[in-house]
Amino acid sequence: MKSTVARRYARALIELGREDGLYEQYGRELRTIIPVFKGSPELSRMLINPMYRLEDRFALMGRVAESLKISSVVTRFLDTLIETRKLNLLDDIGEAYSRLEDDIAGRLRATVEAAVEPNEKTVLDIKDKLRTITGKEVMLTFKKDPTLIGGLVLKIGNTVLDGSVRNQLERMKEKILEGVV
């Protein structure tokens, strides 16, 4: 439910941005303001607390937005989140917005997990294969996970392709146990 609501808000903002031709700017502004709220939970609590007058909360949000040079559209969007008490979804909204932004730009974000950092040729090969399969520009990030022993785990959205030695050993173990039982 939480992610559905976050996607709706993200979609509303990105549609405004597409109409204005400024959706990338709005995304940058969201990515600028999210760490401010993460770093200051008391600010977030104050902005959603109905004990404070709504006008005062809007004024506070306006000062924060002005100091960060946030556009009036994104500031009004944040005011809407304050008014509806959905400011706690801002991180999820930012993630959903980034995914929508990637869709518009024809980008695909993927994560490669490996026991050791892959060499440049391996990274380029993975990007090329994904680009060929999806027809999208591939943004690849790497995470080191020594527990994998060897091989790679590729994560694209909710899809996980596990080619790790650890996974292969687990599957062998399961097959052996199936044969024994």
N, C-alpha and C. Protein backbone atom coordinates (compact mmCIF):
# COMPACT_ATOMS: atom_id res chain seq x y z
N MET A 1 0.82 -1.19 0.00
CA MET A 1 0.00 0.00 0.00
C MET A 1 0.87 1.26 0.00
N LYS A 2 1.88 1.25 0.89
CA LYS A 2 2.76 2.41 1.01
C LYS A 2 3.44 2.71 -0.32
N SER A 3 3.94 1.67 -0.99
CA SER A 3 4.64 1.90 -2.26
C SER A 3 3.67 2.32 -3.36
N THR A 4 2.43 1.85 -3.29
CA THR A 4 1.43 2.25 -4.27
C THR A 4 1.14 3.74 -4.15
N VAL A 5 0.98 4.21 -2.94
CA VAL A 5 0.72 5.63 -2.70
C VAL A 5 1.94 6.44 -3.15
N ALA A 6 3.14 5.98 -2.82
CA ALA A 6 4.36 6.69 -3.21
C ALA A 6 4.46 6.78 -4.74
N ARG A 7 4.13 5.69 -5.44
CA ARG A 7 4.17 5.71 -6.91
C ARG A 7 3.17 6.72 -7.47
N ARG A 8 2.00 6.81 -6.85
CA ARG A 8 1.00 7.77 -7.34
C ARG A 8 1.50 9.20 -7.21
N TYR A 9 2.10 9.51 -6.06
CA TYR A 9 2.64 10.86 -5.88
C TYR A 9 3.79 11.12 -6.85
N ALA A 10 4.66 10.13 -7.01
CA ALA A 10 5.80 10.29 -7.93
C ALA A 10 5.29 10.50 -9.36
N ARG A 11 4.29 9.71 -9.74
CA ARG A 11 3.74 9.83 -11.09
C ARG A 11 3.12 11.21 -11.31
N ALA A 12 2.43 11.73 -10.29
CA ALA A 12 1.83 13.06 -10.41
C ALA A 12 2.90 14.12 -10.62
N LEU A 13 3.97 14.05 -9.84
CA LEU A 13 5.04 15.05 -9.99
C LEU A 13 5.76 14.92 -11.32
N ILE A 14 6.01 13.69 -11.75
CA ILE A 14 6.75 13.53 -13.01
C ILE A 14 5.89 13.98 -14.19
N GLU A 15 4.59 13.80 -14.10
CA GLU A 15 3.71 14.29 -15.17
C GLU A 15 3.76 15.81 -15.26
N LEU A 16 3.77 16.48 -14.09
CA LEU A 16 3.93 17.94 -14.09
C LEU A 16 5.27 18.31 -14.74
N GLY A 17 6.30 17.56 -14.38
CA GLY A 17 7.63 17.83 -14.93
C GLY A 17 7.71 17.60 -16.43
N ARG A 18 7.01 16.60 -16.91
CA ARG A 18 6.99 16.34 -18.36
C ARG A 18 6.27 17.47 -19.09
N GLU A 19 5.18 17.94 -18.50
CA GLU A 19 4.45 19.07 -19.11
C GLU A 19 5.33 20.30 -19.18
N ASP A 20 6.11 20.54 -18.11
CA ASP A 20 6.99 21.71 -18.05
C ASP A 20 8.30 21.49 -18.80
N GLY A 21 8.61 20.23 -19.08
CA GLY A 21 9.92 19.89 -19.65
C GLY A 21 11.02 19.94 -18.60
N LEU A 22 10.64 19.84 -17.32
CA LEU A 22 11.60 19.98 -16.23
C LEU A 22 11.63 18.76 -15.30
N TYR A 23 11.22 17.60 -15.80
CA TYR A 23 11.15 16.44 -14.91
C TYR A 23 12.52 16.04 -14.36
N GLU A 24 13.58 16.25 -15.14
CA GLU A 24 14.91 15.92 -14.62
C GLU A 24 15.31 16.86 -13.48
N GLN A 25 14.99 18.14 -13.63
CA GLN A 25 15.27 19.12 -12.57
C GLN A 25 14.50 18.76 -11.31
N TYR A 26 13.22 18.41 -11.46
CA TYR A 26 12.41 18.04 -10.29
C TYR A 26 13.00 16.81 -9.60
N GLY A 27 13.51 15.88 -10.38
CA GLY A 27 14.16 14.70 -9.79
C GLY A 27 15.40 15.09 -9.00
N ARG A 28 16.21 15.99 -9.56
CA ARG A 28 17.40 16.46 -8.84
C ARG A 28 17.00 17.15 -7.54
N GLU A 29 15.93 17.94 -7.61
CA GLU A 29 15.48 18.65 -6.41
C GLU A 29 14.99 17.67 -5.34
N LEU A 30 14.28 16.63 -5.74
CA LEU A 30 13.86 15.61 -4.77
C LEU A 30 15.08 14.94 -4.14
N ARG A 31 16.06 14.62 -4.98
CA ARG A 31 17.27 13.97 -4.47
C ARG A 31 18.09 14.92 -3.59
N THR A 32 17.87 16.21 -3.72
CA THR A 32 18.54 17.19 -2.86
C THR A 32 17.85 17.29 -1.51
N ILE A 33 16.54 17.27 -1.52
CA ILE A 33 15.81 17.52 -0.27
C ILE A 33 15.64 16.26 0.59
N ILE A 34 15.62 15.09 0.00
CA ILE A 34 15.42 13.85 0.77
C ILE A 34 16.48 13.69 1.87
N PRO A 35 17.77 13.89 1.58
CA PRO A 35 18.77 13.76 2.66
C PRO A 35 18.59 14.77 3.80
N VAL A 36 18.01 15.92 3.48
CA VAL A 36 17.77 16.92 4.52
C VAL A 36 16.79 16.36 5.55
N PHE A 37 15.72 15.72 5.07
CA PHE A 37 14.74 15.16 5.99
C PHE A 37 15.28 13.91 6.69
N LYS A 38 16.09 13.14 6.00
CA LYS A 38 16.70 11.97 6.64
C LYS A 38 17.65 12.42 7.75
N GLY A 39 18.37 13.49 7.51
CA GLY A 39 19.33 13.99 8.48
C GLY A 39 18.71 14.77 9.62
N SER A 40 17.44 15.13 9.46
CA SER A 40 16.77 15.93 10.49
C SER A 40 15.36 15.38 10.73
N PRO A 41 15.26 14.26 11.44
CA PRO A 41 13.94 13.68 11.69
C PRO A 41 13.01 14.63 12.45
N GLU A 42 13.59 15.50 13.29
CA GLU A 42 12.74 16.44 14.03
C GLU A 42 12.07 17.43 13.08
N LEU A 43 12.75 17.79 11.99
CA LEU A 43 12.14 18.68 10.99
C LEU A 43 10.94 17.98 10.35
N SER A 44 11.12 16.73 9.97
CA SER A 44 10.01 15.96 9.38
C SER A 44 8.84 15.85 10.34
N ARG A 45 9.14 15.51 11.60
CA ARG A 45 8.07 15.38 12.60
C ARG A 45 7.31 16.70 12.76
N MET A 46 8.05 17.79 12.77
CA MET A 46 7.42 19.09 12.94
C MET A 46 6.51 19.42 11.74
N LEU A 47 6.97 19.08 10.54
CA LEU A 47 6.21 19.41 9.34
C LEU A 47 4.93 18.59 9.20
N ILE A 48 4.88 17.41 9.80
CA ILE A 48 3.64 16.62 9.70
C ILE A 48 2.79 16.67 10.97
N ASN A 49 3.29 17.34 11.99
CA ASN A 49 2.58 17.40 13.26
C ASN A 49 1.41 18.38 13.17
N PRO A 50 0.17 17.89 13.32
CA PRO A 50 -1.00 18.77 13.23
C PRO A 50 -1.14 19.74 14.40
N MET A 51 -0.28 19.58 15.41
CA MET A 51 -0.32 20.52 16.54
C MET A 51 0.14 21.91 16.09
N TYR A 52 0.95 21.95 15.03
CA TYR A 52 1.39 23.23 14.48
C TYR A 52 0.42 23.64 13.38
N ARG A 53 0.16 24.91 13.28
CA ARG A 53 -0.74 25.41 12.24
C ARG A 53 -0.18 25.07 10.87
N LEU A 54 -1.06 24.72 9.96
CA LEU A 54 -0.66 24.34 8.61
C LEU A 54 0.12 25.47 7.93
N GLU A 55 -0.30 26.71 8.13
CA GLU A 55 0.38 27.86 7.52
C GLU A 55 1.83 27.96 8.03
N ASP A 56 2.03 27.66 9.32
CA ASP A 56 3.38 27.70 9.88
C ASP A 56 4.25 26.59 9.29
N ARG A 57 3.64 25.43 9.10
CA ARG A 57 4.39 24.31 8.50
C ARG A 57 4.75 24.62 7.05
N PHE A 58 3.82 25.22 6.32
CA PHE A 58 4.11 25.62 4.94
C PHE A 58 5.23 26.66 4.92
N ALA A 59 5.19 27.61 5.84
CA ALA A 59 6.22 28.65 5.89
C ALA A 59 7.59 28.04 6.17
N LEU A 60 7.63 27.08 7.10
CA LEU A 60 8.89 26.40 7.40
C LEU A 60 9.40 25.64 6.17
N MET A 61 8.49 24.94 5.51
CA MET A 61 8.88 24.21 4.30
C MET A 61 9.38 25.20 3.25
N GLY A 62 8.73 26.33 3.14
CA GLY A 62 9.15 27.36 2.17
C GLY A 62 10.57 27.84 2.45
N ARG A 63 10.90 28.04 3.73
CA ARG A 63 12.26 28.48 4.08
C ARG A 63 13.29 27.40 3.74
N VAL A 64 12.96 26.16 4.04
CA VAL A 64 13.87 25.05 3.72
C VAL A 64 14.06 24.96 2.21
N ALA A 65 12.96 25.03 1.46
CA ALA A 65 13.02 24.94 0.00
C ALA A 65 13.81 26.11 -0.60
N GLU A 66 13.59 27.28 -0.05
CA GLU A 66 14.30 28.46 -0.55
C GLU A 66 15.81 28.32 -0.32
N SER A 67 16.18 27.84 0.85
CA SER A 67 17.61 27.70 1.14
C SER A 67 18.28 26.66 0.24
N LEU A 68 17.50 25.70 -0.23
CA LEU A 68 18.04 24.65 -1.12
C LEU A 68 17.80 24.97 -2.60
N LYS A 69 17.17 26.12 -2.85
CA LYS A 69 16.85 26.55 -4.21
C LYS A 69 15.95 25.55 -4.93
N ILE A 70 14.90 25.14 -4.23
CA ILE A 70 13.92 24.20 -4.77
C ILE A 70 12.85 25.01 -5.52
N SER A 71 12.45 24.53 -6.68
CA SER A 71 11.47 25.24 -7.51
C SER A 71 10.12 25.34 -6.80
N SER A 72 9.30 26.26 -7.29
CA SER A 72 7.98 26.44 -6.69
C SER A 72 7.10 25.21 -6.90
N VAL A 73 7.25 24.52 -8.01
CA VAL A 73 6.44 23.32 -8.27
C VAL A 73 6.76 22.23 -7.24
N VAL A 74 8.04 21.98 -7.02
CA VAL A 74 8.41 20.94 -6.04
C VAL A 74 8.06 21.40 -4.63
N THR A 75 8.18 22.69 -4.35
CA THR A 75 7.79 23.21 -3.04
C THR A 75 6.30 22.99 -2.81
N ARG A 76 5.48 23.27 -3.81
CA ARG A 76 4.03 23.03 -3.68
C ARG A 76 3.75 21.54 -3.52
N PHE A 77 4.52 20.72 -4.21
CA PHE A 77 4.38 19.26 -4.06
C PHE A 77 4.68 18.86 -2.62
N LEU A 78 5.74 19.40 -2.06
CA LEU A 78 6.10 19.11 -0.67
C LEU A 78 5.02 19.63 0.29
N ASP A 79 4.45 20.78 -0.03
CA ASP A 79 3.35 21.30 0.79
C ASP A 79 2.16 20.33 0.77
N THR A 80 1.90 19.74 -0.39
CA THR A 80 0.82 18.76 -0.49
C THR A 80 1.11 17.56 0.39
N LEU A 81 2.37 17.12 0.40
CA LEU A 81 2.75 16.00 1.27
C LEU A 81 2.58 16.36 2.74
N ILE A 82 2.87 17.61 3.07
CA ILE A 82 2.69 18.07 4.45
C ILE A 82 1.20 18.08 4.80
N GLU A 83 0.41 18.63 3.92
CA GLU A 83 -1.03 18.76 4.17
C GLU A 83 -1.70 17.38 4.31
N THR A 84 -1.28 16.44 3.50
CA THR A 84 -1.88 15.10 3.52
C THR A 84 -1.19 14.17 4.51
N ARG A 85 -0.19 14.70 5.20
CA ARG A 85 0.61 13.94 6.17
C ARG A 85 1.26 12.72 5.52
N LYS A 86 1.79 12.93 4.33
CA LYS A 86 2.48 11.87 3.59
C LYS A 86 3.97 12.16 3.43
N LEU A 87 4.47 13.14 4.15
CA LEU A 87 5.89 13.49 4.05
C LEU A 87 6.79 12.31 4.42
N ASN A 88 6.28 11.41 5.26
CA ASN A 88 7.05 10.22 5.63
C ASN A 88 7.27 9.29 4.44
N LEU A 89 6.57 9.50 3.34
CA LEU A 89 6.74 8.69 2.13
C LEU A 89 7.76 9.28 1.17
N LEU A 90 8.37 10.39 1.55
CA LEU A 90 9.24 11.11 0.61
C LEU A 90 10.36 10.24 0.06
N ASP A 91 10.98 9.42 0.87
CA ASP A 91 12.05 8.54 0.40
C ASP A 91 11.51 7.56 -0.65
N ASP A 92 10.36 6.95 -0.38
CA ASP A 92 9.74 6.02 -1.34
C ASP A 92 9.31 6.75 -2.60
N ILE A 93 8.81 7.97 -2.45
CA ILE A 93 8.42 8.77 -3.61
C ILE A 93 9.65 9.06 -4.47
N GLY A 94 10.76 9.39 -3.81
CA GLY A 94 12.01 9.66 -4.55
C GLY A 94 12.47 8.45 -5.34
N GLU A 95 12.38 7.27 -4.74
CA GLU A 95 12.77 6.04 -5.44
C GLU A 95 11.85 5.78 -6.63
N ALA A 96 10.55 5.92 -6.41
CA ALA A 96 9.59 5.71 -7.49
C ALA A 96 9.81 6.73 -8.60
N TYR A 97 10.09 7.96 -8.22
CA TYR A 97 10.33 9.02 -9.21
C TYR A 97 11.56 8.67 -10.05
N SER A 98 12.62 8.20 -9.41
CA SER A 98 13.84 7.84 -10.14
C SER A 98 13.56 6.72 -11.14
N ARG A 99 12.74 5.73 -10.74
CA ARG A 99 12.40 4.64 -11.68
C ARG A 99 11.62 5.18 -12.87
N LEU A 100 10.66 6.08 -12.61
CA LEU A 100 9.90 6.68 -13.70
C LEU A 100 10.80 7.50 -14.61
N GLU A 101 11.71 8.23 -13.98
CA GLU A 101 12.67 9.04 -14.73
C GLU A 101 13.52 8.15 -15.65
N ASP A 102 13.97 7.02 -15.11
CA ASP A 102 14.76 6.07 -15.90
C ASP A 102 13.94 5.53 -17.08
N ASP A 103 12.67 5.23 -16.84
CA ASP A 103 11.80 4.73 -17.92
C ASP A 103 11.70 5.75 -19.04
N ILE A 104 11.49 7.00 -18.68
CA ILE A 104 11.36 8.06 -19.68
C ILE A 104 12.66 8.20 -20.48
N ALA A 105 13.79 8.14 -19.78
CA ALA A 105 15.10 8.33 -20.41
C ALA A 105 15.60 7.05 -21.11
N GLY A 106 14.88 5.93 -20.94
CA GLY A 106 15.32 4.69 -21.56
C GLY A 106 16.53 4.08 -20.86
N ARG A 107 16.58 4.24 -19.54
CA ARG A 107 17.69 3.70 -18.75
C ARG A 107 17.24 2.49 -17.96
N LEU A 108 18.19 1.62 -17.68
CA LEU A 108 17.96 0.45 -16.83
C LEU A 108 19.03 0.44 -15.77
N ARG A 109 18.62 0.35 -14.52
CA ARG A 109 19.60 0.27 -13.42
C ARG A 109 19.70 -1.16 -12.96
N ALA A 110 20.94 -1.61 -12.83
CA ALA A 110 21.20 -2.98 -12.39
C ALA A 110 22.35 -2.96 -11.39
N THR A 111 22.33 -3.96 -10.52
CA THR A 111 23.39 -4.11 -9.53
C THR A 111 24.05 -5.46 -9.73
N VAL A 112 25.37 -5.47 -9.72
CA VAL A 112 26.13 -6.70 -9.79
C VAL A 112 26.77 -6.92 -8.43
N GLU A 113 26.52 -8.10 -7.87
CA GLU A 113 27.18 -8.49 -6.62
C GLU A 113 28.18 -9.58 -6.97
N ALA A 114 29.38 -9.45 -6.42
CA ALA A 114 30.43 -10.45 -6.67
C ALA A 114 31.37 -10.48 -5.47
N ALA A 115 32.10 -11.57 -5.37
CA ALA A 115 33.05 -11.73 -4.26
C ALA A 115 34.18 -10.72 -4.38
N VAL A 116 34.59 -10.45 -5.61
CA VAL A 116 35.63 -9.45 -5.89
C VAL A 116 35.11 -8.52 -6.98
N GLU A 117 35.66 -7.34 -7.03
CA GLU A 117 35.21 -6.38 -8.04
C GLU A 117 35.54 -6.91 -9.43
N PRO A 118 34.54 -6.95 -10.33
CA PRO A 118 34.79 -7.45 -11.68
C PRO A 118 35.70 -6.50 -12.46
N ASN A 119 36.45 -7.06 -13.40
CA ASN A 119 37.32 -6.21 -14.21
C ASN A 119 36.47 -5.42 -15.21
N GLU A 120 37.09 -4.45 -15.83
CA GLU A 120 36.37 -3.54 -16.72
C GLU A 120 35.73 -4.28 -17.89
N LYS A 121 36.42 -5.28 -18.43
CA LYS A 121 35.88 -6.04 -19.56
C LYS A 121 34.60 -6.77 -19.16
N THR A 122 34.58 -7.37 -17.98
CA THR A 122 33.38 -8.07 -17.50
C THR A 122 32.21 -7.10 -17.34
N VAL A 123 32.49 -5.94 -16.77
CA VAL A 123 31.45 -4.92 -16.60
C VAL A 123 30.90 -4.49 -17.96
N LEU A 124 31.79 -4.24 -18.91
CA LEU A 124 31.36 -3.84 -20.26
C LEU A 124 30.56 -4.95 -20.93
N ASP A 125 30.97 -6.19 -20.76
CA ASP A 125 30.24 -7.33 -21.34
C ASP A 125 28.82 -7.42 -20.77
N ILE A 126 28.71 -7.27 -19.45
CA ILE A 126 27.39 -7.32 -18.81
C ILE A 126 26.51 -6.18 -19.34
N LYS A 127 27.07 -4.98 -19.40
CA LYS A 127 26.32 -3.83 -19.92
C LYS A 127 25.86 -4.07 -21.36
N ASP A 128 26.78 -4.57 -22.20
CA ASP A 128 26.44 -4.81 -23.60
C ASP A 128 25.34 -5.84 -23.74
N LYS A 129 25.43 -6.93 -22.98
CA LYS A 129 24.40 -7.98 -23.05
C LYS A 129 23.05 -7.43 -22.60
N LEU A 130 23.03 -6.68 -21.51
CA LEU A 130 21.78 -6.10 -21.02
C LEU A 130 21.22 -5.08 -22.00
N ARG A 131 22.10 -4.29 -22.59
CA ARG A 131 21.67 -3.29 -23.58
C ARG A 131 21.05 -3.98 -24.79
N THR A 132 21.67 -5.10 -25.23
CA THR A 132 21.16 -5.85 -26.37
C THR A 132 19.80 -6.45 -26.05
N ILE A 133 19.64 -7.02 -24.86
CA ILE A 133 18.39 -7.66 -24.47
C ILE A 133 17.26 -6.65 -24.27
N THR A 134 17.57 -5.53 -23.60
CA THR A 134 16.52 -4.58 -23.22
C THR A 134 16.37 -3.40 -24.18
N GLY A 135 17.42 -3.10 -24.92
CA GLY A 135 17.38 -1.93 -25.79
C GLY A 135 17.50 -0.63 -25.01
N LYS A 136 17.95 -0.72 -23.75
CA LYS A 136 18.07 0.48 -22.91
C LYS A 136 19.52 0.73 -22.53
N GLU A 137 19.79 1.99 -22.19
CA GLU A 137 21.09 2.34 -21.62
C GLU A 137 21.17 1.71 -20.24
N VAL A 138 22.30 1.09 -19.92
CA VAL A 138 22.43 0.37 -18.66
C VAL A 138 23.31 1.14 -17.70
N MET A 139 22.78 1.35 -16.49
CA MET A 139 23.53 1.98 -15.40
C MET A 139 23.84 0.86 -14.42
N LEU A 140 25.10 0.49 -14.30
CA LEU A 140 25.50 -0.67 -13.50
C LEU A 140 26.24 -0.22 -12.25
N THR A 141 25.84 -0.77 -11.11
CA THR A 141 26.57 -0.51 -9.87
C THR A 141 27.09 -1.85 -9.35
N PHE A 142 28.12 -1.78 -8.55
CA PHE A 142 28.76 -2.98 -8.04
C PHE A 142 28.70 -3.01 -6.53
N LYS A 143 28.43 -4.21 -5.99
CA LYS A 143 28.49 -4.43 -4.54
C LYS A 143 29.39 -5.63 -4.29
N LYS A 144 30.32 -5.46 -3.39
CA LYS A 144 31.22 -6.56 -3.03
C LYS A 144 30.56 -7.41 -1.95
N ASP A 145 30.51 -8.74 -2.19
CA ASP A 145 29.93 -9.67 -1.23
C ASP A 145 30.81 -10.92 -1.18
N PRO A 146 31.77 -10.94 -0.26
CA PRO A 146 32.71 -12.06 -0.18
C PRO A 146 32.04 -13.41 0.11
N THR A 147 30.80 -13.40 0.61
CA THR A 147 30.12 -14.66 0.90
C THR A 147 29.70 -15.41 -0.36
N LEU A 148 29.78 -14.76 -1.51
CA LEU A 148 29.38 -15.40 -2.76
C LEU A 148 30.39 -16.43 -3.24
N ILE A 149 31.60 -16.39 -2.73
CA ILE A 149 32.71 -17.27 -3.10
C ILE A 149 33.20 -16.96 -4.51
N GLY A 150 32.32 -17.00 -5.48
CA GLY A 150 32.67 -16.71 -6.86
C GLY A 150 31.40 -16.50 -7.66
N GLY A 151 31.52 -16.16 -8.94
CA GLY A 151 30.36 -15.92 -9.77
C GLY A 151 29.76 -14.55 -9.51
N LEU A 152 28.55 -14.34 -10.05
CA LEU A 152 27.89 -13.04 -9.96
C LEU A 152 26.42 -13.20 -9.60
N VAL A 153 25.88 -12.16 -8.96
CA VAL A 153 24.44 -12.04 -8.76
C VAL A 153 24.05 -10.73 -9.42
N LEU A 154 23.12 -10.79 -10.36
CA LEU A 154 22.67 -9.61 -11.09
C LEU A 154 21.25 -9.28 -10.64
N LYS A 155 21.05 -8.03 -10.19
CA LYS A 155 19.73 -7.59 -9.75
C LYS A 155 19.26 -6.45 -10.64
N ILE A 156 18.08 -6.67 -11.23
CA ILE A 156 17.46 -5.66 -12.08
C ILE A 156 16.04 -5.49 -11.55
N GLY A 157 15.80 -4.42 -10.85
CA GLY A 157 14.48 -4.23 -10.24
C GLY A 157 14.20 -5.36 -9.26
N ASN A 158 13.10 -6.07 -9.48
CA ASN A 158 12.73 -7.19 -8.61
C ASN A 158 13.26 -8.52 -9.12
N THR A 159 13.97 -8.50 -10.24
CA THR A 159 14.50 -9.73 -10.82
C THR A 159 15.93 -9.96 -10.34
N VAL A 160 16.20 -11.19 -9.90
CA VAL A 160 17.53 -11.56 -9.43
C VAL A 160 18.00 -12.76 -10.24
N LEU A 161 19.14 -12.60 -10.88
CA LEU A 161 19.77 -13.70 -11.61
C LEU A 161 21.00 -14.10 -10.80
N ASP A 162 20.93 -15.27 -10.17
CA ASP A 162 21.98 -15.69 -9.24
C ASP A 162 22.85 -16.75 -9.90
N GLY A 163 24.03 -16.34 -10.32
CA GLY A 163 25.01 -17.26 -10.90
C GLY A 163 26.20 -17.41 -9.98
N SER A 164 25.95 -17.27 -8.68
CA SER A 164 27.06 -17.34 -7.73
C SER A 164 27.40 -18.79 -7.41
N VAL A 165 28.63 -19.02 -7.01
CA VAL A 165 29.07 -20.34 -6.60
C VAL A 165 28.30 -20.76 -5.36
N ARG A 166 28.04 -19.81 -4.46
CA ARG A 166 27.27 -20.11 -3.25
C ARG A 166 25.91 -20.69 -3.62
N ASN A 167 25.21 -20.08 -4.57
CA ASN A 167 23.90 -20.55 -4.99
C ASN A 167 24.00 -21.92 -5.66
N GLN A 168 25.02 -22.12 -6.47
CA GLN A 168 25.19 -23.41 -7.13
C GLN A 168 25.44 -24.52 -6.11
N LEU A 169 26.22 -24.22 -5.09
CA LEU A 169 26.47 -25.20 -4.02
C LEU A 169 25.19 -25.50 -3.24
N GLU A 170 24.38 -24.48 -2.99
CA GLU A 170 23.10 -24.68 -2.30
C GLU A 170 22.18 -25.59 -3.11
N ARG A 171 22.13 -25.36 -4.44
CA ARG A 171 21.28 -26.20 -5.29
C ARG A 171 21.77 -27.64 -5.31
N MET A 172 23.10 -27.82 -5.37
CA MET A 172 23.66 -29.19 -5.33
C MET A 172 23.29 -29.87 -4.03
N LYS A 173 23.40 -29.14 -2.94
CA LYS A 173 23.08 -29.68 -1.62
C LYS A 173 21.61 -30.13 -1.58
N GLU A 174 20.70 -29.29 -2.12
CA GLU A 174 19.28 -29.63 -2.15
C GLU A 174 19.04 -30.90 -2.97
N LYS A 175 19.71 -31.03 -4.11
CA LYS A 175 19.53 -32.21 -4.97
C LYS A 175 20.05 -33.46 -4.27
N ILE A 176 21.16 -33.32 -3.60
CA ILE A 176 21.72 -34.47 -2.86
C ILE A 176 20.77 -34.90 -1.77
N LEU A 177 20.23 -33.91 -1.02
CA LEU A 177 19.30 -34.22 0.06
C LEU A 177 17.99 -34.81 -0.46
N GLU A 178 17.55 -34.37 -1.63
CA GLU A 178 16.33 -34.93 -2.23
C GLU A 178 16.55 -36.42 -2.57
N GLY A 179 17.74 -36.73 -3.06
CA GLY A 179 18.06 -38.12 -3.41
C GLY A 179 18.18 -39.01 -2.19
N VAL A 180 18.57 -38.43 -1.06
CA VAL A 180 18.78 -39.21 0.17
C VAL A 180 17.42 -39.49 0.84
N VAL A 181 16.56 -38.51 0.81
CA VAL A 181 15.28 -38.62 1.55
C VAL A 181 14.28 -39.45 0.82
